[in-house]
Amino acid sequence: MRELPKKFAPPKMEKYKGITDPEDHVSQYKQAMTCGIVPIGLKEVCMCKGFGYTLAGRALKWYMALPNKSVTSFANLMNKFTQQF
């Protein structure tokens, strides 16, 4: 997967720590990301890699422990996330 663009700014939102509704966090994240300007060709990489900036605590540890190349798409990442939490 490509790298984030240099001008990428993660959405400003409450960090998910693994104790509240994960689907609510995903919905808030998607909404926040649609408000920013993300080049169409980089949308998938921004959605996937930007998601880590919205996590803290055990959720961030889980995200950081995902094996390289184990995430094939944003939908795949969200499926893993909601199954975990």
Protein backbone atom coordinates (compact mmCIF):
# COMPACT_ATOMS: atom_id res chain seq x y z
CA MET A 1 0.00 0.00 0.00
CA ARG A 2 1.24 3.48 -0.82
CA GLU A 3 2.34 6.06 1.72
CA LEU A 4 0.18 8.88 3.01
CA PRO A 5 0.46 12.17 1.12
CA LYS A 6 2.69 14.74 2.85
CA LYS A 7 -0.24 17.13 3.30
CA PHE A 8 -2.47 14.48 4.90
CA ALA A 9 -4.04 15.60 8.18
CA PRO A 10 -5.88 13.02 10.27
CA PRO A 11 -9.37 13.98 11.39
CA LYS A 12 -9.69 15.61 14.77
CA MET A 13 -11.92 13.29 16.72
CA GLU A 14 -12.03 11.44 20.02
CA LYS A 15 -9.61 8.53 20.10
CA TYR A 16 -11.11 5.05 20.23
CA LYS A 17 -9.73 3.04 23.18
CA GLY A 18 -11.57 -0.23 22.66
CA ILE A 19 -14.35 0.21 25.19
CA THR A 20 -17.15 1.95 23.26
CA ASP A 21 -19.14 0.94 20.18
CA PRO A 22 -16.64 0.28 17.35
CA GLU A 23 -19.28 0.79 14.64
CA ASP A 24 -20.02 4.26 16.02
CA HIS A 25 -16.32 5.11 15.83
CA VAL A 26 -16.13 3.85 12.23
CA SER A 27 -19.15 5.97 11.27
CA GLN A 28 -17.63 9.07 12.86
CA TYR A 29 -14.31 8.38 11.13
CA LYS A 30 -15.92 7.96 7.70
CA GLN A 31 -17.84 11.20 8.18
CA ALA A 32 -14.75 13.10 9.28
CA MET A 33 -12.74 11.78 6.33
CA THR A 34 -15.38 12.84 3.81
CA CYS A 35 -15.06 16.43 5.05
CA GLY A 36 -11.38 16.60 4.14
CA ILE A 37 -9.94 16.78 0.66
CA VAL A 38 -8.37 13.44 -0.24
CA PRO A 39 -7.17 12.84 -3.81
CA ILE A 40 -9.29 10.10 -5.40
CA GLY A 41 -6.26 7.94 -6.22
CA LEU A 42 -5.13 8.07 -2.58
CA LYS A 43 -8.49 7.63 -0.87
CA GLU A 44 -7.95 3.97 0.07
CA VAL A 45 -4.48 4.51 1.53
CA CYS A 46 -5.63 7.60 3.44
CA MET A 47 -8.65 5.76 4.84
CA CYS A 48 -6.56 2.76 5.95
CA LYS A 49 -3.44 4.44 7.27
CA GLY A 50 -5.27 7.46 8.65
CA PHE A 51 -7.45 5.23 10.79
CA GLY A 52 -4.56 4.49 13.16
CA TYR A 53 -4.42 8.16 14.14
CA THR A 54 -7.92 7.81 15.65
CA LEU A 55 -6.97 4.97 18.00
CA ALA A 56 -5.45 4.84 21.49
CA GLY A 57 -4.72 2.27 24.17
CA ARG A 58 -5.48 -1.35 23.37
CA ALA A 59 -7.10 -0.40 20.04
CA LEU A 60 -3.88 1.25 18.88
CA LYS A 61 -1.84 -1.74 20.08
CA TRP A 62 -4.11 -4.02 18.05
CA TYR A 63 -3.73 -1.82 14.96
CA MET A 64 0.05 -1.66 15.31
CA ALA A 65 0.23 -5.46 15.65
CA LEU A 66 -1.53 -6.14 12.34
CA PRO A 67 0.89 -8.04 10.11
CA ASN A 68 2.33 -6.15 7.13
CA LYS A 69 0.20 -6.52 4.01
CA SER A 70 -2.65 -8.14 5.99
CA VAL A 71 -4.99 -5.23 5.20
CA THR A 72 -6.18 -5.36 1.60
CA SER A 73 -8.74 -2.55 1.70
CA PHE A 74 -10.52 -0.15 4.01
CA ALA A 75 -13.53 -2.49 4.08
CA ASN A 76 -11.22 -5.34 5.08
CA LEU A 77 -9.69 -3.22 7.87
CA MET A 78 -13.12 -2.21 9.17
CA ASN A 79 -14.22 -5.84 9.19
CA LYS A 80 -11.16 -6.82 11.24
CA PHE A 81 -11.68 -3.86 13.58
CA THR A 82 -15.34 -4.53 14.31
CA GLN A 83 -14.66 -8.25 14.82
CA GLN A 84 -11.90 -7.42 17.30
CA PHE A 85 -13.86 -4.83 19.29
